[in-house]
Amino acid sequence: MRGVGHKTVRSLLAHCGTVEHIFDMNEKELLEIPHIKPPAIHAIVSRSYMEDAEKELAFIEKHNIETLWIEDTNYPWRPRQCEYA
């Protein structure tokens, strides 16, 4: 998602708690979060990433790829400690 890098994701998660809460927020609420820049807010609110995300998900499912997210309980401990994970 353009404008949303690893540092932005970590800031959003620290403030919002869950991915679901991030995507439920409106522009005004997102603007209140420190260090979140307008391009990131626009990307989240506009949902312009959905087509690419759906293509990626189709590829993952077609090739039986297991995906992990930093919030998953089975996400490895060491990468979780890395700033760029």
Protein backbone atom coordinates (compact mmCIF):
# COMPACT_ATOMS: atom_id res chain seq x y z
CA MET A 1 0.00 0.00 0.00
CA ARG A 2 1.59 3.26 -1.06
CA GLY A 3 2.45 5.56 1.78
CA VAL A 4 2.24 2.79 4.36
CA GLY A 5 5.58 1.30 5.29
CA HIS A 6 6.72 -0.82 8.19
CA LYS A 7 7.08 2.12 10.58
CA THR A 8 3.61 3.41 9.75
CA VAL A 9 2.12 -0.06 10.27
CA ARG A 10 3.78 -0.37 13.67
CA SER A 11 2.58 3.10 14.68
CA LEU A 12 -0.95 2.31 13.57
CA LEU A 13 -0.97 -1.00 15.43
CA ALA A 14 0.45 0.59 18.56
CA HIS A 15 -2.29 3.21 18.51
CA CYS A 16 -5.23 1.13 17.25
CA GLY A 17 -4.47 -2.30 18.65
CA THR A 18 -5.70 -4.38 15.71
CA VAL A 19 -5.64 -4.33 11.94
CA GLU A 20 -9.43 -4.43 11.90
CA HIS A 21 -9.64 -1.26 13.97
CA ILE A 22 -7.24 0.53 11.61
CA PHE A 23 -9.45 -0.18 8.61
CA ASP A 24 -12.61 0.77 10.52
CA MET A 25 -11.29 4.25 11.23
CA ASN A 26 -12.29 7.29 9.20
CA GLU A 27 -9.99 10.02 7.92
CA LYS A 28 -10.61 12.33 10.88
CA GLU A 29 -9.71 9.59 13.37
CA LEU A 30 -6.57 8.64 11.43
CA LEU A 31 -5.45 12.28 11.33
CA GLU A 32 -5.36 12.27 15.15
CA ILE A 33 -2.69 9.54 15.22
CA PRO A 34 0.82 11.00 15.65
CA HIS A 35 3.33 10.52 12.81
CA ILE A 36 0.79 9.20 10.28
CA LYS A 37 1.18 11.17 7.07
CA PRO A 38 -1.63 12.19 4.70
CA PRO A 39 -0.57 9.76 1.90
CA ALA A 40 -0.94 6.84 4.33
CA ILE A 41 -4.31 8.08 5.51
CA HIS A 42 -5.50 8.49 1.93
CA ALA A 43 -4.33 4.97 1.05
CA ILE A 44 -6.20 3.46 3.99
CA VAL A 45 -9.43 5.42 3.56
CA SER A 46 -9.63 5.21 -0.25
CA ARG A 47 -9.22 1.42 -0.29
CA SER A 48 -7.27 1.83 -3.55
CA TYR A 49 -5.16 -1.17 -2.57
CA MET A 50 -8.04 -3.66 -2.73
CA GLU A 51 -7.54 -4.79 -6.36
CA ASP A 52 -3.84 -5.51 -5.77
CA ALA A 53 -4.62 -7.21 -2.46
CA GLU A 54 -7.20 -9.48 -4.11
CA LYS A 55 -4.70 -10.48 -6.81
CA GLU A 56 -2.07 -11.22 -4.18
CA LEU A 57 -4.53 -13.30 -2.17
CA ALA A 58 -5.52 -15.29 -5.26
CA PHE A 59 -1.83 -16.04 -5.93
CA ILE A 60 -1.26 -17.09 -2.32
CA GLU A 61 -4.26 -19.40 -2.37
CA LYS A 62 -3.39 -20.87 -5.78
CA HIS A 63 0.13 -21.77 -4.63
CA ASN A 64 -0.83 -22.86 -1.10
CA ILE A 65 1.46 -20.29 0.50
CA GLU A 66 1.22 -19.91 4.26
CA THR A 67 1.22 -16.27 5.24
CA LEU A 68 2.06 -14.83 8.62
CA TRP A 69 1.31 -11.43 10.07
CA ILE A 70 3.22 -9.88 12.93
CA GLU A 71 0.13 -10.25 15.16
CA ASP A 72 -0.12 -14.02 14.53
CA THR A 73 0.78 -16.15 17.53
CA ASN A 74 3.02 -18.38 15.38
CA TYR A 75 4.95 -15.43 13.92
CA PRO A 76 8.64 -16.07 14.76
CA TRP A 77 9.99 -14.20 17.78
CA ARG A 78 13.26 -12.94 16.25
CA PRO A 79 11.74 -11.21 13.19
CA ARG A 80 9.11 -9.70 15.48
CA GLN A 81 11.98 -7.85 17.21
CA CYS A 82 13.32 -6.41 13.94
CA GLU A 83 12.24 -2.93 13.00
CA TYR A 84 11.75 -3.94 9.35
CA ALA A 85 9.80 -7.18 9.96
